[in-house]
Amino acid sequence: MTSRVTEIIIDSHDPLSLARWWAEVLDYEVGPPAPQGWVGISPREGRPSEQAYRAAPQVPTIVFVPVPEAKSVKNRAHLDVWSVDRTPEEEVAWLLERGAAHVDIGQGDAPWVVLVDPEGNEFCVLG
């Protein structure tokens, strides 16, 4: 038996807005909001059937779910991004222009840059 990571779930005050932000960052497409308020984003290549998707290795869908509480502590897990067409410095500048912000989580003099998305979720820009 084997398991696959098929979705990464991120709590959010405004799932659709945050899904749109991350979809632009990752060049993903935004799926339709679910009745529960969840919004998923996935690679633009399209998604195979549910059975094929869950059976094969793939890039997980990222799902933003509504929660009432604000983020209050450092994330226990985070996303790392790597630009495919810009230098790390250009990528950081591009992300900052779109609403990301620098954050110090104790990373010291690390070779990556730690940012937060518009709702305060940490992520790293690798280079």
Protein backbone atom coordinates (compact mmCIF):
# COMPACT_ATOMS: atom_id res chain seq x y z
CA MET A 1 0.00 0.00 0.00
CA THR A 2 1.15 3.52 -0.83
CA SER A 3 -0.23 6.90 0.09
CA ARG A 4 0.00 10.10 -1.95
CA VAL A 5 -0.14 13.74 -0.89
CA THR A 6 -3.05 14.96 -3.01
CA GLU A 7 -4.01 18.20 -1.27
CA ILE A 8 -2.30 20.76 0.93
CA ILE A 9 -4.81 22.62 3.12
CA ILE A 10 -4.30 26.23 4.16
CA ASP A 11 -6.59 28.03 6.62
CA SER A 12 -7.79 31.41 5.42
CA HIS A 13 -10.12 34.28 6.24
CA ASP A 14 -10.82 34.88 2.53
CA PRO A 15 -10.20 31.60 0.67
CA LEU A 16 -11.06 32.90 -2.80
CA SER A 17 -8.82 35.95 -2.51
CA LEU A 18 -5.89 33.93 -1.16
CA ALA A 19 -6.44 31.20 -3.77
CA ARG A 20 -6.29 33.84 -6.51
CA TRP A 21 -3.07 35.27 -5.03
CA TRP A 22 -1.34 31.88 -4.86
CA ALA A 23 -2.66 30.89 -8.30
CA GLU A 24 -0.94 33.93 -9.78
CA VAL A 25 2.29 33.16 -7.90
CA LEU A 26 2.36 29.51 -8.98
CA ASP A 27 0.70 29.90 -12.41
CA TYR A 28 -2.10 27.60 -11.26
CA GLU A 29 -5.79 27.82 -12.05
CA VAL A 30 -8.48 28.50 -9.48
CA GLY A 31 -11.23 25.92 -9.20
CA PRO A 32 -14.84 26.73 -8.38
CA PRO A 33 -15.57 27.42 -4.70
CA ALA A 34 -17.08 24.44 -2.89
CA PRO A 35 -20.37 24.86 -1.00
CA GLN A 36 -18.36 24.81 2.27
CA GLY A 37 -16.37 27.83 1.07
CA TRP A 38 -13.22 25.90 0.15
CA VAL A 39 -11.31 26.98 -2.95
CA GLY A 40 -8.66 24.84 -4.62
CA ILE A 41 -5.91 25.70 -7.05
CA SER A 42 -4.09 23.23 -9.26
CA PRO A 43 -1.59 23.21 -12.13
CA ARG A 44 -2.90 24.55 -15.42
CA GLU A 45 -2.16 21.31 -17.27
CA GLY A 46 -5.55 20.09 -16.19
CA ARG A 47 -6.48 17.40 -13.76
CA PRO A 48 -7.03 13.75 -14.66
CA SER A 49 -9.96 11.74 -13.36
CA GLU A 50 -10.30 11.59 -9.57
CA GLN A 51 -9.18 7.95 -9.51
CA ALA A 52 -6.13 8.57 -11.73
CA TYR A 53 -5.24 11.72 -9.76
CA ARG A 54 -5.25 9.95 -6.42
CA ALA A 55 -3.35 6.91 -7.76
CA ALA A 56 -0.41 8.67 -9.46
CA PRO A 57 2.40 10.85 -8.11
CA GLN A 58 1.55 14.48 -8.82
CA VAL A 59 1.80 18.04 -7.65
CA PRO A 60 -0.82 18.40 -4.91
CA THR A 61 -3.80 20.68 -5.20
CA ILE A 62 -3.69 23.51 -2.67
CA VAL A 63 -7.02 24.05 -0.93
CA PHE A 64 -7.86 27.20 1.01
CA VAL A 65 -10.49 26.68 3.69
CA PRO A 66 -12.38 29.32 5.68
CA VAL A 67 -11.63 29.65 9.37
CA PRO A 68 -12.83 32.32 11.82
CA GLU A 69 -9.64 32.73 13.82
CA ALA A 70 -6.61 34.78 12.81
CA LYS A 71 -3.17 33.25 12.38
CA SER A 72 -1.34 33.67 15.67
CA VAL A 73 1.89 31.60 15.59
CA LYS A 74 4.56 30.51 13.11
CA ASN A 75 3.36 27.89 10.62
CA ARG A 76 4.37 24.31 11.47
CA ALA A 77 4.60 23.62 7.72
CA HIS A 78 5.15 26.02 4.84
CA LEU A 79 5.58 26.15 1.08
CA ASP A 80 8.92 26.71 -0.65
CA VAL A 81 8.90 28.35 -4.08
CA TRP A 82 11.58 28.47 -6.75
CA SER A 83 11.27 30.78 -9.75
CA VAL A 84 11.60 29.15 -13.15
CA ASP A 85 12.13 32.38 -15.09
CA ARG A 86 13.55 35.00 -12.68
CA THR A 87 16.48 35.31 -10.33
CA PRO A 88 15.65 34.85 -6.63
CA GLU A 89 16.00 38.60 -6.14
CA GLU A 90 13.62 39.32 -9.03
CA GLU A 91 11.17 36.75 -7.67
CA VAL A 92 11.20 38.35 -4.21
CA ALA A 93 10.63 41.80 -5.73
CA TRP A 94 7.76 40.45 -7.87
CA LEU A 95 6.14 38.81 -4.81
CA LEU A 96 6.52 41.96 -2.70
CA GLU A 97 4.80 43.98 -5.47
CA ARG A 98 1.83 41.57 -5.20
CA GLY A 99 1.39 41.87 -1.44
CA ALA A 100 3.91 39.51 0.13
CA ALA A 101 6.03 40.88 2.98
CA HIS A 102 9.36 40.04 4.57
CA VAL A 103 9.24 38.26 7.93
CA ASP A 104 11.87 37.21 10.45
CA ILE A 105 11.15 33.81 11.96
CA GLY A 106 14.68 33.34 13.25
CA GLN A 107 16.16 32.20 9.93
CA GLY A 108 19.35 34.18 10.49
CA ASP A 109 21.68 34.44 7.51
CA ALA A 110 19.98 31.74 5.46
CA PRO A 111 20.46 31.41 1.68
CA TRP A 112 16.68 31.73 1.17
CA VAL A 113 14.21 34.55 1.79
CA VAL A 114 11.26 34.13 4.13
CA LEU A 115 8.10 36.00 3.17
CA VAL A 116 4.45 35.93 4.21
CA ASP A 117 1.45 35.89 1.89
CA PRO A 118 -1.34 38.49 2.29
CA GLU A 119 -2.84 36.52 5.22
CA GLY A 120 0.47 36.04 7.05
CA ASN A 121 1.35 32.46 6.03
CA GLU A 122 5.13 32.03 5.83
CA PHE A 123 6.81 30.69 2.71
CA CYS A 124 10.37 30.61 1.46
CA VAL A 125 11.84 31.76 -1.85
CA LEU A 126 14.73 29.45 -2.71
CA GLY A 127 17.51 30.26 -5.10
